[in-house]
Amino acid sequence: MNNSLWRSEDGQLLRSLREDAGIDELVFARNNTVSLAQLRELEMGGRSSFYNPAIKRSTGVKLLKKLGHELPLPE
């Protein structure tokens, strides 16, 4: 498995944890200095809001950590 990419499963987990915490997507995005478009791309897929896949994964990992979840480090 390639742990250096943001996977759809990671996005589903992010969305689920955010919703379970009762945090609105706009509030979560603003509180974490990402755009709403970037948050939606992380949660639902897409490829246009980040400069490269490494930045996308790094941002997603940071947001998951804010919600109390750690992803494994890239191989």
PDB file of N, CA and C in Angstrom:
ATOM      1  N   MET A   1       0.843  -1.179   0.000  1.00  0.00           N
ATOM      2  CA  MET A   1       0.000   0.000   0.000  1.00  0.00           C
ATOM      3  C   MET A   1       0.887   1.240   0.000  1.00  0.00           C
ATOM      4  N   ASN A   2       0.486   2.223  -0.725  1.00  0.00           N
ATOM      5  CA  ASN A   2       1.246   3.469  -0.787  1.00  0.00           C
ATOM      6  C   ASN A   2       0.655   4.464   0.206  1.00  0.00           C
ATOM      7  N   ASN A   3       1.350   4.665   1.325  1.00  0.00           N
ATOM      8  CA  ASN A   3       0.862   5.563   2.368  1.00  0.00           C
ATOM      9  C   ASN A   3       1.215   7.020   2.113  1.00  0.00           C
ATOM     10  N   SER A   4       1.800   7.318   0.947  1.00  0.00           N
ATOM     11  CA  SER A   4       2.182   8.704   0.676  1.00  0.00           C
ATOM     12  C   SER A   4       1.075   9.472  -0.036  1.00  0.00           C
ATOM     13  N   LEU A   5      -0.026   8.824  -0.349  1.00  0.00           N
ATOM     14  CA  LEU A   5      -1.144   9.482  -1.023  1.00  0.00           C
ATOM     15  C   LEU A   5      -2.357   9.543  -0.109  1.00  0.00           C
ATOM     16  N   TRP A   6      -3.166  10.562  -0.320  1.00  0.00           N
ATOM     17  CA  TRP A   6      -4.435  10.695   0.397  1.00  0.00           C
ATOM     18  C   TRP A   6      -5.453   9.817  -0.307  1.00  0.00           C
ATOM     19  N   ARG A   7      -6.007   8.863   0.399  1.00  0.00           N
ATOM     20  CA  ARG A   7      -6.942   7.904  -0.192  1.00  0.00           C
ATOM     21  C   ARG A   7      -8.392   8.300   0.097  1.00  0.00           C
ATOM     22  N   SER A   8      -9.305   7.765  -0.675  1.00  0.00           N
ATOM     23  CA  SER A   8     -10.721   8.065  -0.445  1.00  0.00           C
ATOM     24  C   SER A   8     -11.157   7.589   0.943  1.00  0.00           C
ATOM     25  N   GLU A   9     -10.556   6.495   1.427  1.00  0.00           N
ATOM     26  CA  GLU A   9     -10.874   5.995   2.772  1.00  0.00           C
ATOM     27  C   GLU A   9     -10.459   7.007   3.838  1.00  0.00           C
ATOM     28  N   ASP A  10      -9.330   7.679   3.603  1.00  0.00           N
ATOM     29  CA  ASP A  10      -8.879   8.712   4.534  1.00  0.00           C
ATOM     30  C   ASP A  10      -9.880   9.865   4.565  1.00  0.00           C
ATOM     31  N   GLY A  11     -10.363  10.243   3.396  1.00  0.00           N
ATOM     32  CA  GLY A  11     -11.348  11.321   3.301  1.00  0.00           C
ATOM     33  C   GLY A  11     -12.658  10.971   3.977  1.00  0.00           C
ATOM     34  N   GLN A  12     -13.086   9.728   3.801  1.00  0.00           N
ATOM     35  CA  GLN A  12     -14.314   9.286   4.454  1.00  0.00           C
ATOM     36  C   GLN A  12     -14.156   9.312   5.970  1.00  0.00           C
ATOM     37  N   LEU A  13     -12.980   8.906   6.451  1.00  0.00           N
ATOM     38  CA  LEU A  13     -12.705   8.942   7.888  1.00  0.00           C
ATOM     39  C   LEU A  13     -12.720  10.375   8.399  1.00  0.00           C
ATOM     40  N   LEU A  14     -12.082  11.275   7.671  1.00  0.00           N
ATOM     41  CA  LEU A  14     -12.053  12.683   8.065  1.00  0.00           C
ATOM     42  C   LEU A  14     -13.464  13.239   8.186  1.00  0.00           C
ATOM     43  N   ARG A  15     -14.257  12.992   7.186  1.00  0.00           N
ATOM     44  CA  ARG A  15     -15.642  13.502   7.204  1.00  0.00           C
ATOM     45  C   ARG A  15     -16.440  12.899   8.356  1.00  0.00           C
ATOM     46  N   SER A  16     -16.303  11.600   8.554  1.00  0.00           N
ATOM     47  CA  SER A  16     -17.026  10.923   9.620  1.00  0.00           C
ATOM     48  C   SER A  16     -16.632  11.461  10.995  1.00  0.00           C
ATOM     49  N   LEU A  17     -15.333  11.618  11.232  1.00  0.00           N
ATOM     50  CA  LEU A  17     -14.877  12.142  12.524  1.00  0.00           C
ATOM     51  C   LEU A  17     -15.352  13.577  12.743  1.00  0.00           C
ATOM     52  N   ARG A  18     -15.294  14.390  11.684  1.00  0.00           N
ATOM     53  CA  ARG A  18     -15.744  15.785  11.803  1.00  0.00           C
ATOM     54  C   ARG A  18     -17.233  15.839  12.112  1.00  0.00           C
ATOM     55  N   GLU A  19     -18.012  15.060  11.380  1.00  0.00           N
ATOM     56  CA  GLU A  19     -19.459  15.057  11.601  1.00  0.00           C
ATOM     57  C   GLU A  19     -19.812  14.485  12.973  1.00  0.00           C
ATOM     58  N   ASP A  20     -19.115  13.427  13.393  1.00  0.00           N
ATOM     59  CA  ASP A  20     -19.367  12.845  14.717  1.00  0.00           C
ATOM     60  C   ASP A  20     -19.062  13.844  15.829  1.00  0.00           C
ATOM     61  N   ALA A  21     -18.093  14.727  15.577  1.00  0.00           N
ATOM     62  CA  ALA A  21     -17.747  15.760  16.556  1.00  0.00           C
ATOM     63  C   ALA A  21     -18.719  16.935  16.502  1.00  0.00           C
ATOM     64  N   GLY A  22     -19.619  16.932  15.518  1.00  0.00           N
ATOM     65  CA  GLY A  22     -20.613  17.990  15.394  1.00  0.00           C
ATOM     66  C   GLY A  22     -20.041  19.305  14.895  1.00  0.00           C
ATOM     67  N   ILE A  23     -18.974  19.226  14.090  1.00  0.00           N
ATOM     68  CA  ILE A  23     -18.319  20.443  13.606  1.00  0.00           C
ATOM     69  C   ILE A  23     -18.737  20.716  12.165  1.00  0.00           C
ATOM     70  N   ASP A  24     -19.267  21.878  11.928  1.00  0.00           N
ATOM     71  CA  ASP A  24     -19.660  22.312  10.590  1.00  0.00           C
ATOM     72  C   ASP A  24     -18.420  22.400   9.699  1.00  0.00           C
ATOM     73  N   GLU A  25     -18.585  22.053   8.425  1.00  0.00           N
ATOM     74  CA  GLU A  25     -17.427  22.038   7.521  1.00  0.00           C
ATOM     75  C   GLU A  25     -16.787  23.410   7.358  1.00  0.00           C
ATOM     76  N   LEU A  26     -17.571  24.464   7.273  1.00  0.00           N
ATOM     77  CA  LEU A  26     -17.007  25.803   7.116  1.00  0.00           C
ATOM     78  C   LEU A  26     -16.242  26.225   8.377  1.00  0.00           C
ATOM     79  N   VAL A  27     -16.793  25.951   9.528  1.00  0.00           N
ATOM     80  CA  VAL A  27     -16.127  26.268  10.793  1.00  0.00           C
ATOM     81  C   VAL A  27     -14.822  25.492  10.907  1.00  0.00           C
ATOM     82  N   PHE A  28     -14.851  24.206  10.575  1.00  0.00           N
ATOM     83  CA  PHE A  28     -13.651  23.377  10.654  1.00  0.00           C
ATOM     84  C   PHE A  28     -12.580  23.882   9.693  1.00  0.00           C
ATOM     85  N   ALA A  29     -12.980  24.210   8.482  1.00  0.00           N
ATOM     86  CA  ALA A  29     -12.024  24.726   7.499  1.00  0.00           C
ATOM     87  C   ALA A  29     -11.393  26.022   8.001  1.00  0.00           C
ATOM     88  N   ARG A  30     -12.197  26.952   8.428  1.00  0.00           N
ATOM     89  CA  ARG A  30     -11.675  28.249   8.900  1.00  0.00           C
ATOM     90  C   ARG A  30     -10.767  28.088  10.111  1.00  0.00           C
ATOM     91  N   ASN A  31     -11.169  27.240  11.049  1.00  0.00           N
ATOM     92  CA  ASN A  31     -10.371  27.043  12.262  1.00  0.00           C
ATOM     93  C   ASN A  31      -9.027  26.378  11.970  1.00  0.00           C
ATOM     94  N   ASN A  32      -8.913  25.738  10.820  1.00  0.00           N
ATOM     95  CA  ASN A  32      -7.683  25.033  10.477  1.00  0.00           C
ATOM     96  C   ASN A  32      -6.962  25.635   9.273  1.00  0.00           C
ATOM     97  N   THR A  33      -7.342  26.836   8.908  1.00  0.00           N
ATOM     98  CA  THR A  33      -6.677  27.606   7.857  1.00  0.00           C
ATOM     99  C   THR A  33      -6.599  26.859   6.526  1.00  0.00           C
ATOM    100  N   VAL A  34      -7.701  26.238   6.153  1.00  0.00           N
ATOM    101  CA  VAL A  34      -7.830  25.651   4.816  1.00  0.00           C
ATOM    102  C   VAL A  34      -9.108  26.200   4.198  1.00  0.00           C
ATOM    103  N   SER A  35      -9.168  26.189   2.901  1.00  0.00           N
ATOM    104  CA  SER A  35     -10.386  26.658   2.250  1.00  0.00           C
ATOM    105  C   SER A  35     -11.461  25.580   2.330  1.00  0.00           C
ATOM    106  N   LEU A  36     -12.689  26.009   2.176  1.00  0.00           N
ATOM    107  CA  LEU A  36     -13.792  25.062   2.140  1.00  0.00           C
ATOM    108  C   LEU A  36     -13.623  24.104   0.964  1.00  0.00           C
ATOM    109  N   ALA A  37     -13.135  24.606  -0.163  1.00  0.00           N
ATOM    110  CA  ALA A  37     -12.887  23.754  -1.329  1.00  0.00           C
ATOM    111  C   ALA A  37     -11.850  22.684  -1.016  1.00  0.00           C
ATOM    112  N   GLN A  38     -10.805  23.057  -0.287  1.00  0.00           N
ATOM    113  CA  GLN A  38      -9.788  22.074   0.074  1.00  0.00           C
ATOM    114  C   GLN A  38     -10.349  21.012   1.012  1.00  0.00           C
ATOM    115  N   LEU A  39     -11.124  21.428   2.007  1.00  0.00           N
ATOM    116  CA  LEU A  39     -11.720  20.466   2.926  1.00  0.00           C
ATOM    117  C   LEU A  39     -12.642  19.515   2.173  1.00  0.00           C
ATOM    118  N   ARG A  40     -13.457  20.061   1.292  1.00  0.00           N
ATOM    119  CA  ARG A  40     -14.369  19.209   0.524  1.00  0.00           C
ATOM    120  C   ARG A  40     -13.598  18.242  -0.369  1.00  0.00           C
ATOM    121  N   GLU A  41     -12.491  18.699  -0.950  1.00  0.00           N
ATOM    122  CA  GLU A  41     -11.679  17.808  -1.775  1.00  0.00           C
ATOM    123  C   GLU A  41     -11.084  16.687  -0.931  1.00  0.00           C
ATOM    124  N   LEU A  42     -10.627  17.017   0.260  1.00  0.00           N
ATOM    125  CA  LEU A  42     -10.089  15.984   1.142  1.00  0.00           C
ATOM    126  C   LEU A  42     -11.159  14.967   1.510  1.00  0.00           C
ATOM    127  N   GLU A  43     -12.351  15.455   1.816  1.00  0.00           N
ATOM    128  CA  GLU A  43     -13.421  14.562   2.264  1.00  0.00           C
ATOM    129  C   GLU A  43     -14.087  13.791   1.126  1.00  0.00           C
ATOM    130  N   MET A  44     -14.218  14.409  -0.032  1.00  0.00           N
ATOM    131  CA  MET A  44     -15.028  13.796  -1.085  1.00  0.00           C
ATOM    132  C   MET A  44     -14.280  13.496  -2.371  1.00  0.00           C
ATOM    133  N   GLY A  45     -13.015  13.880  -2.455  1.00  0.00           N
ATOM    134  CA  GLY A  45     -12.230  13.584  -3.650  1.00  0.00           C
ATOM    135  C   GLY A  45     -12.056  14.784  -4.555  1.00  0.00           C
ATOM    136  N   GLY A  46     -11.184  14.620  -5.503  1.00  0.00           N
ATOM    137  CA  GLY A  46     -10.867  15.685  -6.441  1.00  0.00           C
ATOM    138  C   GLY A  46      -9.367  15.902  -6.489  1.00  0.00           C
ATOM    139  N   ARG A  47      -8.931  16.756  -7.435  1.00  0.00           N
ATOM    140  CA  ARG A  47      -7.500  16.957  -7.600  1.00  0.00           C
ATOM    141  C   ARG A  47      -7.119  18.382  -7.957  1.00  0.00           C
ATOM    142  N   SER A  48      -7.907  19.364  -7.629  1.00  0.00           N
ATOM    143  CA  SER A  48      -7.597  20.713  -8.104  1.00  0.00           C
ATOM    144  C   SER A  48      -7.257  21.730  -7.019  1.00  0.00           C
ATOM    145  N   SER A  49      -7.416  21.415  -5.755  1.00  0.00           N
ATOM    146  CA  SER A  49      -7.266  22.420  -4.708  1.00  0.00           C
ATOM    147  C   SER A  49      -5.903  22.440  -4.024  1.00  0.00           C
ATOM    148  N   PHE A  50      -5.046  21.485  -4.347  1.00  0.00           N
ATOM    149  CA  PHE A  50      -3.735  21.410  -3.701  1.00  0.00           C
ATOM    150  C   PHE A  50      -2.641  21.441  -4.754  1.00  0.00           C
ATOM    151  N   TYR A  51      -1.495  22.020  -4.391  1.00  0.00           N
ATOM    152  CA  TYR A  51      -0.371  22.154  -5.312  1.00  0.00           C
ATOM    153  C   TYR A  51       0.174  20.801  -5.748  1.00  0.00           C
ATOM    154  N   ASN A  52       0.218  19.835  -4.812  1.00  0.00           N
ATOM    155  CA  ASN A  52       0.673  18.490  -5.158  1.00  0.00           C
ATOM    156  C   ASN A  52       0.113  17.485  -4.157  1.00  0.00           C
ATOM    157  N   PRO A  53       0.204  16.177  -4.465  1.00  0.00           N
ATOM    158  CA  PRO A  53      -0.354  15.150  -3.580  1.00  0.00           C
ATOM    159  C   PRO A  53       0.271  15.116  -2.187  1.00  0.00           C
ATOM    160  N   ALA A  54       1.550  15.467  -2.074  1.00  0.00           N
ATOM    161  CA  ALA A  54       2.196  15.448  -0.765  1.00  0.00           C
ATOM    162  C   ALA A  54       1.599  16.503   0.158  1.00  0.00           C
ATOM    163  N   ILE A  55       1.321  17.685  -0.390  1.00  0.00           N
ATOM    164  CA  ILE A  55       0.706  18.749   0.412  1.00  0.00           C
ATOM    165  C   ILE A  55      -0.711  18.350   0.796  1.00  0.00           C
ATOM    166  N   LYS A  56      -1.420  17.722  -0.121  1.00  0.00           N
ATOM    167  CA  LYS A  56      -2.781  17.264   0.168  1.00  0.00           C
ATOM    168  C   LYS A  56      -2.770  16.267   1.321  1.00  0.00           C
ATOM    169  N   ARG A  57      -1.880  15.281   1.257  1.00  0.00           N
ATOM    170  CA  ARG A  57      -1.810  14.284   2.335  1.00  0.00           C
ATOM    171  C   ARG A  57      -1.411  14.943   3.645  1.00  0.00           C
ATOM    172  N   SER A  58      -0.412  15.807   3.606  1.00  0.00           N
ATOM    173  CA  SER A  58       0.042  16.477   4.820  1.00  0.00           C
ATOM    174  C   SER A  58      -1.095  17.255   5.483  1.00  0.00           C
ATOM    175  N   THR A  59      -1.877  17.951   4.683  1.00  0.00           N
ATOM    176  CA  THR A  59      -3.012  18.710   5.208  1.00  0.00           C
ATOM    177  C   THR A  59      -4.059  17.771   5.791  1.00  0.00           C
ATOM    178  N   GLY A  60      -4.362  16.698   5.076  1.00  0.00           N
ATOM    179  CA  GLY A  60      -5.342  15.731   5.569  1.00  0.00           C
ATOM    180  C   GLY A  60      -4.913  15.083   6.874  1.00  0.00           C
ATOM    181  N   VAL A  61      -3.647  14.717   6.959  1.00  0.00           N
ATOM    182  CA  VAL A  61      -3.110  14.107   8.181  1.00  0.00           C
ATOM    183  C   VAL A  61      -3.220  15.084   9.345  1.00  0.00           C
ATOM    184  N   LYS A  62      -2.908  16.358   9.092  1.00  0.00           N
ATOM    185  CA  LYS A  62      -3.003  17.392  10.124  1.00  0.00           C
ATOM    186  C   LYS A  62      -4.445  17.520  10.626  1.00  0.00           C
ATOM    187  N   LEU A  63      -5.398  17.507   9.694  1.00  0.00           N
ATOM    188  CA  LEU A  63      -6.804  17.651  10.088  1.00  0.00           C
ATOM    189  C   LEU A  63      -7.293  16.430  10.859  1.00  0.00           C
ATOM    190  N   LEU A  64      -6.883  15.251  10.436  1.00  0.00           N
ATOM    191  CA  LEU A  64      -7.254  14.044  11.188  1.00  0.00           C
ATOM    192  C   LEU A  64      -6.697  14.109  12.603  1.00  0.00           C
ATOM    193  N   LYS A  65      -5.464  14.572  12.727  1.00  0.00           N
ATOM    194  CA  LYS A  65      -4.838  14.675  14.044  1.00  0.00           C
ATOM    195  C   LYS A  65      -5.607  15.634  14.938  1.00  0.00           C
ATOM    196  N   LYS A  66      -6.117  16.730  14.358  1.00  0.00           N
ATOM    197  CA  LYS A  66      -6.926  17.685  15.131  1.00  0.00           C
ATOM    198  C   LYS A  66      -8.189  17.020  15.680  1.00  0.00           C
ATOM    199  N   LEU A  67      -8.640  15.974  14.985  1.00  0.00           N
ATOM    200  CA  LEU A  67      -9.842  15.246  15.409  1.00  0.00           C
ATOM    201  C   LEU A  67      -9.500  14.004  16.233  1.00  0.00           C
ATOM    202  N   GLY A  68      -8.201  13.873  16.592  1.00  0.00           N
ATOM    203  CA  GLY A  68      -7.795  12.792  17.478  1.00  0.00           C
ATOM    204  C   GLY A  68      -7.414  11.488  16.810  1.00  0.00           C
ATOM    205  N   HIS A  69      -7.147  11.515  15.513  1.00  0.00           N
ATOM    206  CA  HIS A  69      -6.790  10.293  14.796  1.00  0.00           C
ATOM    207  C   HIS A  69      -5.424  10.447  14.127  1.00  0.00           C
ATOM    208  N   GLU A  70      -4.585   9.421  14.264  1.00  0.00           N
ATOM    209  CA  GLU A  70      -3.240   9.431  13.645  1.00  0.00           C
ATOM    210  C   GLU A  70      -3.206   8.419  12.505  1.00  0.00           C
ATOM    211  N   LEU A  71      -2.756   8.867  11.329  1.00  0.00           N
ATOM    212  CA  LEU A  71      -2.512   7.948  10.220  1.00  0.00           C
ATOM    213  C   LEU A  71      -1.075   7.460  10.303  1.00  0.00           C
ATOM    214  N   PRO A  72      -0.788   6.266   9.771  1.00  0.00           N
ATOM    215  CA  PRO A  72       0.594   5.806   9.774  1.00  0.00           C
ATOM    216  C   PRO A  72       1.473   6.702   8.905  1.00  0.00           C
ATOM    217  N   LEU A  73       2.735   6.759   9.247  1.00  0.00           N
ATOM    218  CA  LEU A  73       3.689   7.547   8.452  1.00  0.00           C
ATOM    219  C   LEU A  73       3.879   6.915   7.089  1.00  0.00           C
ATOM    220  N   PRO A  74       4.228   7.719   6.084  1.00  0.00           N
ATOM    221  CA  PRO A  74       4.475   7.165   4.755  1.00  0.00           C
ATOM    222  C   PRO A  74       5.649   6.192   4.773  1.00  0.00           C
ATOM    223  N   GLU A  75       5.563   5.203   3.904  1.00  0.00           N
ATOM    224  CA  GLU A  75       6.631   4.201   3.801  1.00  0.00           C
ATOM    225  C   GLU A  75       7.783   4.732   3.012  1.00  0.00           C
TER     226      GLU A  75
END
